[in-house]
């Protein structure tokens, strides 16, 4: 949720059009409300499997603190409110993209892909990649190549991030019958695919340098941060993470053999945050210095 809002803000600020501050604040609020609505729908629909998994069993719907029907109602009302407000405060392109991303997460990922295929988070990850595009569209009224590059960065980041978690929580997913990659294809195959998607992700992070969207600050974050990302992915590939299914209660509580996967999961959040923070500072604080030389 934090990354959704933050990447949406970065996309809005990095766009080459200065927004009215009030409209910009409303746009970010709409992204946050829309993401929360999608999350509420997900928790309502997945209450049965959330109750089985140790990582999610304390959520409001499985514990009975929020009735399923109320969660659905909340999700529907807030989805509609976020889209309508986005349309009134900014433009219909941003509102349409927000509506599509909510619908994609709820119906394509949650209701269809999640329980059907180990490619669930690969395809479903598109929903989480929309926020910077929505922010960009809120500012400009259109979608550019740069916005699509930001989408691609998050889209390709999602598999190594999510599968690293799935490696050391595979016991949870197996118990719930969710065909995450380690459950459906095995830990070894998952570790190989994490390495492959890491390469694609790091290639995508070079995109803003090619188009000029990212300056020296972004280049350092992408280069040095990407090198560490690659190193952690190689460690996962060389490890036996996920070979023995685990499902500890706490998110970061893992056994020794799975620590490489836990480290990659944790670092992946930090790396994506730093990349978008660099864009935010460069374009929002006047700190953009192009790679070709000269202050921007």
C-alpha atoms as a PDB file:
ATOM      1  CA  UNK A   1       0.000   0.000   0.000  1.00  0.00           C
ATOM      2  CA  UNK A   2       2.805   2.403   0.880  1.00  0.00           C
ATOM      3  CA  UNK A   3       4.609   1.614  -2.365  1.00  0.00           C
ATOM      4  CA  UNK A   4       1.395   2.042  -4.355  1.00  0.00           C
ATOM      5  CA  UNK A   5       0.919   5.575  -3.039  1.00  0.00           C
ATOM      6  CA  UNK A   6       4.601   6.453  -3.232  1.00  0.00           C
ATOM      7  CA  UNK A   7       5.097   5.289  -6.826  1.00  0.00           C
ATOM      8  CA  UNK A   8       1.900   7.080  -7.809  1.00  0.00           C
ATOM      9  CA  UNK A   9       3.282  10.284  -6.295  1.00  0.00           C
ATOM     10  CA  UNK A  10       6.603   9.802  -8.089  1.00  0.00           C
ATOM     11  CA  UNK A  11       4.860   9.337 -11.425  1.00  0.00           C
ATOM     12  CA  UNK A  12       2.821  12.494 -10.877  1.00  0.00           C
ATOM     13  CA  UNK A  13       5.846  14.595  -9.873  1.00  0.00           C
ATOM     14  CA  UNK A  14       8.097  13.215 -12.632  1.00  0.00           C
ATOM     15  CA  UNK A  15       5.562  14.122 -15.329  1.00  0.00           C
ATOM     16  CA  UNK A  16       6.571  17.178 -17.397  1.00  0.00           C
ATOM     17  CA  UNK A  17       3.503  19.180 -16.334  1.00  0.00           C
ATOM     18  CA  UNK A  18       3.159  21.075 -13.060  1.00  0.00           C
ATOM     19  CA  UNK A  19      -0.137  20.270 -11.324  1.00  0.00           C
ATOM     20  CA  UNK A  20      -2.189  22.457  -9.067  1.00  0.00           C
ATOM     21  CA  UNK A  21      -1.166  21.316  -5.544  1.00  0.00           C
ATOM     22  CA  UNK A  22      -4.755  20.680  -4.441  1.00  0.00           C
ATOM     23  CA  UNK A  23      -5.535  18.620  -7.550  1.00  0.00           C
ATOM     24  CA  UNK A  24      -2.302  16.695  -7.073  1.00  0.00           C
ATOM     25  CA  UNK A  25      -3.155  15.936  -3.435  1.00  0.00           C
ATOM     26  CA  UNK A  26      -6.626  14.737  -4.422  1.00  0.00           C
ATOM     27  CA  UNK A  27      -5.143  12.539  -7.162  1.00  0.00           C
ATOM     28  CA  UNK A  28      -2.812  10.825  -4.673  1.00  0.00           C
ATOM     29  CA  UNK A  29      -5.697  10.438  -2.234  1.00  0.00           C
ATOM     30  CA  UNK A  30      -7.743   8.756  -4.971  1.00  0.00           C
ATOM     31  CA  UNK A  31      -4.910   6.341  -5.732  1.00  0.00           C
ATOM     32  CA  UNK A  32      -4.670   5.480  -2.032  1.00  0.00           C
ATOM     33  CA  UNK A  33      -8.430   5.035  -1.633  1.00  0.00           C
ATOM     34  CA  UNK A  34      -8.636   2.947  -4.810  1.00  0.00           C
ATOM     35  CA  UNK A  35      -5.791   0.715  -3.676  1.00  0.00           C
ATOM     36  CA  UNK A  36      -7.406   0.333  -0.256  1.00  0.00           C
ATOM     37  CA  UNK A  37     -10.719  -0.569  -1.873  1.00  0.00           C
ATOM     38  CA  UNK A  38      -9.039  -3.244  -3.997  1.00  0.00           C
ATOM     39  CA  UNK A  39      -7.299  -4.577  -0.894  1.00  0.00           C
ATOM     40  CA  UNK A  40     -10.607  -4.724   0.976  1.00  0.00           C
ATOM     41  CA  UNK A  41     -12.190  -6.685  -1.875  1.00  0.00           C
ATOM     42  CA  UNK A  42      -9.218  -9.053  -1.898  1.00  0.00           C
ATOM     43  CA  UNK A  43      -9.502  -9.669   1.849  1.00  0.00           C
ATOM     44  CA  UNK A  44     -13.243 -10.282   1.592  1.00  0.00           C
ATOM     45  CA  UNK A  45     -12.946 -12.702  -1.311  1.00  0.00           C
ATOM     46  CA  UNK A  46      -9.897 -14.506   0.095  1.00  0.00           C
ATOM     47  CA  UNK A  47     -11.145 -14.760   3.680  1.00  0.00           C
ATOM     48  CA  UNK A  48     -11.266 -18.563   3.410  1.00  0.00           C
ATOM     49  CA  UNK A  49      -7.608 -18.978   2.451  1.00  0.00           C
ATOM     50  CA  UNK A  50      -6.460 -16.067   4.623  1.00  0.00           C
ATOM     51  CA  UNK A  51      -7.846 -17.964   7.623  1.00  0.00           C
ATOM     52  CA  UNK A  52      -5.601 -20.922   6.772  1.00  0.00           C
ATOM     53  CA  UNK A  53      -2.339 -19.053   6.225  1.00  0.00           C
ATOM     54  CA  UNK A  54      -0.395 -18.004   9.315  1.00  0.00           C
ATOM     55  CA  UNK A  55       0.760 -14.787   7.651  1.00  0.00           C
ATOM     56  CA  UNK A  56      -2.802 -13.579   7.006  1.00  0.00           C
ATOM     57  CA  UNK A  57      -5.036 -15.286   9.553  1.00  0.00           C
ATOM     58  CA  UNK A  58      -5.164 -12.193  11.806  1.00  0.00           C
ATOM     59  CA  UNK A  59      -6.684 -10.001   9.103  1.00  0.00           C
ATOM     60  CA  UNK A  60     -10.049  -8.351   9.936  1.00  0.00           C
ATOM     61  CA  UNK A  61     -12.339 -10.598   7.867  1.00  0.00           C
ATOM     62  CA  UNK A  62     -10.913 -14.031   8.854  1.00  0.00           C
ATOM     63  CA  UNK A  63     -11.002 -13.034  12.535  1.00  0.00           C
ATOM     64  CA  UNK A  64     -14.608 -11.849  12.255  1.00  0.00           C
ATOM     65  CA  UNK A  65     -13.864  -8.244  13.217  1.00  0.00           C
ATOM     66  CA  UNK A  66     -15.306  -7.129   9.861  1.00  0.00           C
ATOM     67  CA  UNK A  67     -18.160  -9.115   8.255  1.00  0.00           C
ATOM     68  CA  UNK A  68     -17.480 -10.220   4.692  1.00  0.00           C
ATOM     69  CA  UNK A  69     -20.570  -8.385   3.392  1.00  0.00           C
ATOM     70  CA  UNK A  70     -19.402  -5.117   4.952  1.00  0.00           C
ATOM     71  CA  UNK A  71     -15.947  -5.531   3.427  1.00  0.00           C
ATOM     72  CA  UNK A  72     -17.512  -5.957  -0.021  1.00  0.00           C
ATOM     73  CA  UNK A  73     -19.727  -2.906   0.519  1.00  0.00           C
ATOM     74  CA  UNK A  74     -16.779  -0.829   1.702  1.00  0.00           C
ATOM     75  CA  UNK A  75     -14.734  -1.919  -1.317  1.00  0.00           C
ATOM     76  CA  UNK A  76     -17.504  -1.069  -3.760  1.00  0.00           C
ATOM     77  CA  UNK A  77     -18.304   2.342  -2.296  1.00  0.00           C
ATOM     78  CA  UNK A  78     -14.670   3.405  -2.022  1.00  0.00           C
ATOM     79  CA  UNK A  79     -13.832   2.144  -5.522  1.00  0.00           C
ATOM     80  CA  UNK A  80     -16.642   4.219  -7.004  1.00  0.00           C
ATOM     81  CA  UNK A  81     -15.769   7.257  -4.890  1.00  0.00           C
ATOM     82  CA  UNK A  82     -12.075   7.170  -5.819  1.00  0.00           C
ATOM     83  CA  UNK A  83     -12.761   6.908  -9.556  1.00  0.00           C
ATOM     84  CA  UNK A  84     -15.440   9.620  -9.603  1.00  0.00           C
ATOM     85  CA  UNK A  85     -13.332  12.001  -7.531  1.00  0.00           C
ATOM     86  CA  UNK A  86     -10.284  11.359  -9.735  1.00  0.00           C
ATOM     87  CA  UNK A  87     -12.330  12.200 -12.819  1.00  0.00           C
ATOM     88  CA  UNK A  88     -13.653  15.435 -11.302  1.00  0.00           C
ATOM     89  CA  UNK A  89     -10.343  16.569  -9.809  1.00  0.00           C
ATOM     90  CA  UNK A  90      -8.013  15.678 -12.683  1.00  0.00           C
ATOM     91  CA  UNK A  91      -9.119  14.054 -15.938  1.00  0.00           C
ATOM     92  CA  UNK A  92     -10.950  11.029 -17.308  1.00  0.00           C
ATOM     93  CA  UNK A  93      -7.781   9.314 -18.539  1.00  0.00           C
ATOM     94  CA  UNK A  94      -6.472   9.052 -14.984  1.00  0.00           C
ATOM     95  CA  UNK A  95      -9.922   8.045 -13.722  1.00  0.00           C
ATOM     96  CA  UNK A  96     -10.228   5.361 -16.389  1.00  0.00           C
ATOM     97  CA  UNK A  97      -6.802   3.944 -15.576  1.00  0.00           C
ATOM     98  CA  UNK A  98      -7.651   3.903 -11.861  1.00  0.00           C
ATOM     99  CA  UNK A  99     -10.927   2.097 -12.559  1.00  0.00           C
ATOM    100  CA  UNK A 100      -9.169  -0.422 -14.786  1.00  0.00           C
ATOM    101  CA  UNK A 101      -6.441  -1.124 -12.224  1.00  0.00           C
ATOM    102  CA  UNK A 102      -8.993  -1.715  -9.447  1.00  0.00           C
ATOM    103  CA  UNK A 103     -11.075  -3.996 -11.661  1.00  0.00           C
ATOM    104  CA  UNK A 104      -7.979  -5.869 -12.843  1.00  0.00           C
ATOM    105  CA  UNK A 105      -6.801  -6.513  -9.288  1.00  0.00           C
ATOM    106  CA  UNK A 106     -10.235  -7.569  -8.042  1.00  0.00           C
ATOM    107  CA  UNK A 107     -11.567  -9.655 -10.910  1.00  0.00           C
ATOM    108  CA  UNK A 108      -8.575 -10.783 -12.975  1.00  0.00           C
ATOM    109  CA  UNK A 109      -6.016 -11.356 -10.209  1.00  0.00           C
ATOM    110  CA  UNK A 110      -8.042 -12.054  -7.055  1.00  0.00           C
ATOM    111  CA  UNK A 111     -10.995 -13.963  -8.475  1.00  0.00           C
ATOM    112  CA  UNK A 112      -9.321 -15.698 -11.420  1.00  0.00           C
ATOM    113  CA  UNK A 113      -5.542 -15.901 -11.559  1.00  0.00           C
ATOM    114  CA  UNK A 114      -4.582 -16.257  -7.895  1.00  0.00           C
ATOM    115  CA  UNK A 115      -6.077 -19.731  -7.438  1.00  0.00           C
ATOM    116  CA  UNK A 116      -5.633 -20.880 -11.014  1.00  0.00           C
ATOM    117  CA  UNK A 117      -2.018 -20.567 -12.145  1.00  0.00           C
ATOM    118  CA  UNK A 118       1.523 -20.149 -10.809  1.00  0.00           C
ATOM    119  CA  UNK A 119       1.762 -17.194 -13.184  1.00  0.00           C
ATOM    120  CA  UNK A 120      -0.763 -15.402 -10.970  1.00  0.00           C
ATOM    121  CA  UNK A 121       1.530 -12.654  -9.725  1.00  0.00           C
ATOM    122  CA  UNK A 122       3.280 -12.272 -13.092  1.00  0.00           C
ATOM    123  CA  UNK A 123       0.077 -11.317 -14.893  1.00  0.00           C
ATOM    124  CA  UNK A 124      -1.675  -9.955 -11.822  1.00  0.00           C
ATOM    125  CA  UNK A 125       1.324  -7.789 -11.052  1.00  0.00           C
ATOM    126  CA  UNK A 126       0.098  -5.387 -13.731  1.00  0.00           C
ATOM    127  CA  UNK A 127      -2.415  -4.004 -11.231  1.00  0.00           C
ATOM    128  CA  UNK A 128       0.363  -2.929  -8.875  1.00  0.00           C
ATOM    129  CA  UNK A 129       2.321  -1.379 -11.746  1.00  0.00           C
ATOM    130  CA  UNK A 130      -0.380   1.134 -12.689  1.00  0.00           C
ATOM    131  CA  UNK A 131       0.018   3.788  -9.925  1.00  0.00           C
ATOM    132  CA  UNK A 132       2.884   5.767 -11.541  1.00  0.00           C
ATOM    133  CA  UNK A 133       1.014   5.672 -14.854  1.00  0.00           C
ATOM    134  CA  UNK A 134      -2.119   6.963 -13.117  1.00  0.00           C
ATOM    135  CA  UNK A 135      -0.102   9.708 -11.432  1.00  0.00           C
ATOM    136  CA  UNK A 136       1.478  10.646 -14.764  1.00  0.00           C
ATOM    137  CA  UNK A 137      -1.931  10.718 -16.470  1.00  0.00           C
ATOM    138  CA  UNK A 138      -3.389  12.827 -13.662  1.00  0.00           C
ATOM    139  CA  UNK A 139      -0.759  15.475 -14.402  1.00  0.00           C
ATOM    140  CA  UNK A 140      -0.678  15.280 -18.188  1.00  0.00           C
ATOM    141  CA  UNK A 141      -3.980  13.755 -19.298  1.00  0.00           C
ATOM    142  CA  UNK A 142      -2.088  11.175 -21.346  1.00  0.00           C
ATOM    143  CA  UNK A 143       0.264   8.187 -21.148  1.00  0.00           C
ATOM    144  CA  UNK A 144       3.796   8.527 -22.549  1.00  0.00           C
ATOM    145  CA  UNK A 145       6.727   6.204 -23.135  1.00  0.00           C
ATOM    146  CA  UNK A 146       8.243   7.294 -19.830  1.00  0.00           C
ATOM    147  CA  UNK A 147       5.046   6.349 -18.002  1.00  0.00           C
ATOM    148  CA  UNK A 148       5.088   2.926 -19.650  1.00  0.00           C
ATOM    149  CA  UNK A 149       8.722   2.461 -18.601  1.00  0.00           C
ATOM    150  CA  UNK A 150       7.746   3.122 -14.982  1.00  0.00           C
ATOM    151  CA  UNK A 151       4.981   0.551 -15.420  1.00  0.00           C
ATOM    152  CA  UNK A 152       7.468  -1.980 -16.808  1.00  0.00           C
ATOM    153  CA  UNK A 153       9.876  -1.448 -13.911  1.00  0.00           C
ATOM    154  CA  UNK A 154       7.245  -2.367 -11.313  1.00  0.00           C
ATOM    155  CA  UNK A 155       5.750  -5.122 -13.462  1.00  0.00           C
ATOM    156  CA  UNK A 156       9.121  -6.881 -13.810  1.00  0.00           C
ATOM    157  CA  UNK A 157      10.031  -6.206 -10.166  1.00  0.00           C
ATOM    158  CA  UNK A 158       6.958  -8.065  -8.910  1.00  0.00           C
ATOM    159  CA  UNK A 159       7.998 -11.683  -9.707  1.00  0.00           C
ATOM    160  CA  UNK A 160      11.383 -11.705  -7.908  1.00  0.00           C
ATOM    161  CA  UNK A 161       9.857  -9.745  -5.028  1.00  0.00           C
ATOM    162  CA  UNK A 162       6.792 -11.972  -4.612  1.00  0.00           C
ATOM    163  CA  UNK A 163       8.508 -15.286  -5.326  1.00  0.00           C
ATOM    164  CA  UNK A 164      11.211 -14.531  -2.768  1.00  0.00           C
ATOM    165  CA  UNK A 165       8.424 -14.270  -0.183  1.00  0.00           C
ATOM    166  CA  UNK A 166       6.734 -17.371  -1.575  1.00  0.00           C
ATOM    167  CA  UNK A 167       9.948 -19.395  -1.199  1.00  0.00           C
ATOM    168  CA  UNK A 168      10.075 -18.996   2.555  1.00  0.00           C
ATOM    169  CA  UNK A 169       6.285 -19.006   3.029  1.00  0.00           C
ATOM    170  CA  UNK A 170       5.537 -21.877   0.642  1.00  0.00           C
ATOM    171  CA  UNK A 171       4.063 -23.978   3.451  1.00  0.00           C
ATOM    172  CA  UNK A 172       1.388 -21.334   3.942  1.00  0.00           C
ATOM    173  CA  UNK A 173       0.467 -21.290   0.257  1.00  0.00           C
ATOM    174  CA  UNK A 174       0.470 -25.091   0.019  1.00  0.00           C
ATOM    175  CA  UNK A 175      -1.855 -25.371   3.022  1.00  0.00           C
ATOM    176  CA  UNK A 176      -4.253 -22.879   1.436  1.00  0.00           C
ATOM    177  CA  UNK A 177      -4.113 -24.516  -2.004  1.00  0.00           C
ATOM    178  CA  UNK A 178      -2.737 -21.413  -3.723  1.00  0.00           C
ATOM    179  CA  UNK A 179      -0.532 -22.453  -6.686  1.00  0.00           C
ATOM    180  CA  UNK A 180       2.323 -20.048  -6.085  1.00  0.00           C
ATOM    181  CA  UNK A 181       5.413 -20.891  -8.102  1.00  0.00           C
ATOM    182  CA  UNK A 182       7.308 -22.827  -5.359  1.00  0.00           C
ATOM    183  CA  UNK A 183       4.203 -24.931  -4.682  1.00  0.00           C
ATOM    184  CA  UNK A 184       3.338 -25.614  -8.320  1.00  0.00           C
ATOM    185  CA  UNK A 185       6.784 -25.830  -9.946  1.00  0.00           C
ATOM    186  CA  UNK A 186       9.130 -26.389  -7.010  1.00  0.00           C
ATOM    187  CA  UNK A 187      11.729 -24.294  -5.240  1.00  0.00           C
ATOM    188  CA  UNK A 188      14.537 -24.899  -7.739  1.00  0.00           C
ATOM    189  CA  UNK A 189      12.461 -23.706 -10.701  1.00  0.00           C
ATOM    190  CA  UNK A 190      11.373 -20.677  -8.691  1.00  0.00           C
ATOM    191  CA  UNK A 191      14.963 -19.747  -7.841  1.00  0.00           C
ATOM    192  CA  UNK A 192      15.897 -19.907 -11.537  1.00  0.00           C
ATOM    193  CA  UNK A 193      12.948 -17.738 -12.529  1.00  0.00           C
ATOM    194  CA  UNK A 194      13.773 -15.209  -9.827  1.00  0.00           C
ATOM    195  CA  UNK A 195      17.208 -14.831 -11.408  1.00  0.00           C
ATOM    196  CA  UNK A 196      15.752 -14.448 -14.914  1.00  0.00           C
ATOM    197  CA  UNK A 197      13.175 -11.860 -13.875  1.00  0.00           C
ATOM    198  CA  UNK A 198      15.816 -10.000 -11.899  1.00  0.00           C
ATOM    199  CA  UNK A 199      17.796  -9.584 -15.124  1.00  0.00           C
ATOM    200  CA  UNK A 200      14.692  -8.276 -16.907  1.00  0.00           C
ATOM    201  CA  UNK A 201      13.880  -5.943 -14.028  1.00  0.00           C
ATOM    202  CA  UNK A 202      17.377  -4.471 -13.903  1.00  0.00           C
ATOM    203  CA  UNK A 203      17.297  -3.972 -17.679  1.00  0.00           C
ATOM    204  CA  UNK A 204      14.010  -2.088 -17.310  1.00  0.00           C
ATOM    205  CA  UNK A 205      15.493   0.187 -14.638  1.00  0.00           C
ATOM    206  CA  UNK A 206      17.870   1.511 -17.306  1.00  0.00           C
ATOM    207  CA  UNK A 207      14.903   2.818 -19.296  1.00  0.00           C
ATOM    208  CA  UNK A 208      14.654   6.239 -17.584  1.00  0.00           C
ATOM    209  CA  UNK A 209      18.357   6.780 -18.303  1.00  0.00           C
ATOM    210  CA  UNK A 210      17.807   6.128 -21.994  1.00  0.00           C
ATOM    211  CA  UNK A 211      14.858   8.534 -22.295  1.00  0.00           C
ATOM    212  CA  UNK A 212      16.340  11.186 -20.014  1.00  0.00           C
ATOM    213  CA  UNK A 213      13.674  10.849 -17.329  1.00  0.00           C
ATOM    214  CA  UNK A 214      16.329   9.856 -14.791  1.00  0.00           C
ATOM    215  CA  UNK A 215      19.447  11.866 -14.022  1.00  0.00           C
ATOM    216  CA  UNK A 216      22.624  11.175 -12.058  1.00  0.00           C
ATOM    217  CA  UNK A 217      20.860  10.520  -8.786  1.00  0.00           C
ATOM    218  CA  UNK A 218      18.631   7.917 -10.422  1.00  0.00           C
ATOM    219  CA  UNK A 219      21.625   6.449 -12.255  1.00  0.00           C
ATOM    220  CA  UNK A 220      23.460   5.852  -8.978  1.00  0.00           C
ATOM    221  CA  UNK A 221      20.385   4.281  -7.380  1.00  0.00           C
ATOM    222  CA  UNK A 222      19.816   2.051 -10.395  1.00  0.00           C
ATOM    223  CA  UNK A 223      23.488   1.108 -10.809  1.00  0.00           C
ATOM    224  CA  UNK A 224      24.715   0.517  -7.265  1.00  0.00           C
ATOM    225  CA  UNK A 225      21.341  -0.593  -5.957  1.00  0.00           C
ATOM    226  CA  UNK A 226      20.826  -2.860  -8.936  1.00  0.00           C
ATOM    227  CA  UNK A 227      24.206  -4.506  -8.410  1.00  0.00           C
ATOM    228  CA  UNK A 228      23.214  -5.436  -4.856  1.00  0.00           C
ATOM    229  CA  UNK A 229      19.843  -6.668  -6.106  1.00  0.00           C
ATOM    230  CA  UNK A 230      21.619  -8.918  -8.598  1.00  0.00           C
ATOM    231  CA  UNK A 231      23.961 -10.216  -5.905  1.00  0.00           C
ATOM    232  CA  UNK A 232      21.057 -11.120  -3.620  1.00  0.00           C
ATOM    233  CA  UNK A 233      19.253 -12.848  -6.492  1.00  0.00           C
ATOM    234  CA  UNK A 234      22.395 -14.869  -7.232  1.00  0.00           C
ATOM    235  CA  UNK A 235      22.562 -15.854  -3.566  1.00  0.00           C
ATOM    236  CA  UNK A 236      18.970 -17.101  -3.749  1.00  0.00           C
ATOM    237  CA  UNK A 237      19.758 -19.032  -6.927  1.00  0.00           C
ATOM    238  CA  UNK A 238      22.742 -20.713  -5.278  1.00  0.00           C
ATOM    239  CA  UNK A 239      20.843 -21.481  -2.070  1.00  0.00           C
ATOM    240  CA  UNK A 240      18.362 -24.158  -1.078  1.00  0.00           C
ATOM    241  CA  UNK A 241      15.709 -21.609  -0.135  1.00  0.00           C
ATOM    242  CA  UNK A 242      12.254 -23.122  -0.251  1.00  0.00           C
ATOM    243  CA  UNK A 243      13.412 -26.730  -0.468  1.00  0.00           C
ATOM    244  CA  UNK A 244      11.762 -27.402   2.889  1.00  0.00           C
ATOM    245  CA  UNK A 245       8.399 -25.592   3.036  1.00  0.00           C
ATOM    246  CA  UNK A 246       8.108 -23.153   5.912  1.00  0.00           C
ATOM    247  CA  UNK A 247       5.280 -21.029   7.252  1.00  0.00           C
ATOM    248  CA  UNK A 248       6.414 -19.126  10.313  1.00  0.00           C
ATOM    249  CA  UNK A 249       4.000 -16.704  11.943  1.00  0.00           C
ATOM    250  CA  UNK A 250       6.119 -13.594  11.483  1.00  0.00           C
ATOM    251  CA  UNK A 251       6.903 -12.181   8.052  1.00  0.00           C
ATOM    252  CA  UNK A 252      10.671 -11.963   8.563  1.00  0.00           C
ATOM    253  CA  UNK A 253      11.054 -15.003  10.876  1.00  0.00           C
ATOM    254  CA  UNK A 254      12.738 -17.640   8.728  1.00  0.00           C
ATOM    255  CA  UNK A 255      15.010 -20.634   9.078  1.00  0.00           C
ATOM    256  CA  UNK A 256      18.677 -20.421   8.194  1.00  0.00           C
ATOM    257  CA  UNK A 257      18.244 -22.043   4.769  1.00  0.00           C
ATOM    258  CA  UNK A 258      15.654 -19.496   3.688  1.00  0.00           C
ATOM    259  CA  UNK A 259      17.403 -16.315   4.795  1.00  0.00           C
ATOM    260  CA  UNK A 260      18.665 -15.500   1.298  1.00  0.00           C
ATOM    261  CA  UNK A 261      15.052 -15.380   0.060  1.00  0.00           C
ATOM    262  CA  UNK A 262      14.004 -13.252   3.043  1.00  0.00           C
ATOM    263  CA  UNK A 263      16.882 -10.849   2.369  1.00  0.00           C
ATOM    264  CA  UNK A 264      15.944 -10.475  -1.297  1.00  0.00           C
ATOM    265  CA  UNK A 265      12.293  -9.878  -0.408  1.00  0.00           C
ATOM    266  CA  UNK A 266      13.170  -7.161   2.096  1.00  0.00           C
ATOM    267  CA  UNK A 267      15.754  -5.500  -0.126  1.00  0.00           C
ATOM    268  CA  UNK A 268      13.492  -5.525  -3.177  1.00  0.00           C
ATOM    269  CA  UNK A 269      11.102  -3.185  -1.353  1.00  0.00           C
ATOM    270  CA  UNK A 270      13.948  -0.863  -0.444  1.00  0.00           C
ATOM    271  CA  UNK A 271      15.403  -0.835  -3.964  1.00  0.00           C
ATOM    272  CA  UNK A 272      12.144   0.025  -5.697  1.00  0.00           C
ATOM    273  CA  UNK A 273      11.505   2.721  -3.101  1.00  0.00           C
ATOM    274  CA  UNK A 274      14.936   4.269  -3.657  1.00  0.00           C
ATOM    275  CA  UNK A 275      14.524   4.268  -7.446  1.00  0.00           C
ATOM    276  CA  UNK A 276      11.244   6.166  -7.286  1.00  0.00           C
ATOM    277  CA  UNK A 277      12.542   8.389  -4.494  1.00  0.00           C
ATOM    278  CA  UNK A 278      15.377   9.428  -6.804  1.00  0.00           C
ATOM    279  CA  UNK A 279      12.899  10.413  -9.515  1.00  0.00           C
ATOM    280  CA  UNK A 280      10.792  12.228  -6.938  1.00  0.00           C
ATOM    281  CA  UNK A 281      13.737  14.260  -5.649  1.00  0.00           C
ATOM    282  CA  UNK A 282      15.160  14.967  -9.104  1.00  0.00           C
ATOM    283  CA  UNK A 283      11.895  16.290 -10.506  1.00  0.00           C
ATOM    284  CA  UNK A 284      10.247  17.571  -7.342  1.00  0.00           C
ATOM    285  CA  UNK A 285      13.167  19.270  -5.632  1.00  0.00           C
ATOM    286  CA  UNK A 286      15.048  20.596  -8.656  1.00  0.00           C
ATOM    287  CA  UNK A 287      17.874  18.128  -8.212  1.00  0.00           C
ATOM    288  CA  UNK A 288      17.811  16.775 -11.759  1.00  0.00           C
ATOM    289  CA  UNK A 289      21.259  16.606 -13.343  1.00  0.00           C
ATOM    290  CA  UNK A 290      21.200  14.914 -16.759  1.00  0.00           C
ATOM    291  CA  UNK A 291      23.771  12.289 -17.643  1.00  0.00           C
ATOM    292  CA  UNK A 292      24.748  14.315 -20.695  1.00  0.00           C
ATOM    293  CA  UNK A 293      25.920  17.211 -18.480  1.00  0.00           C
ATOM    294  CA  UNK A 294      24.418  20.494 -17.396  1.00  0.00           C
ATOM    295  CA  UNK A 295      21.878  21.169 -14.712  1.00  0.00           C
ATOM    296  CA  UNK A 296      18.234  20.525 -15.467  1.00  0.00           C
END
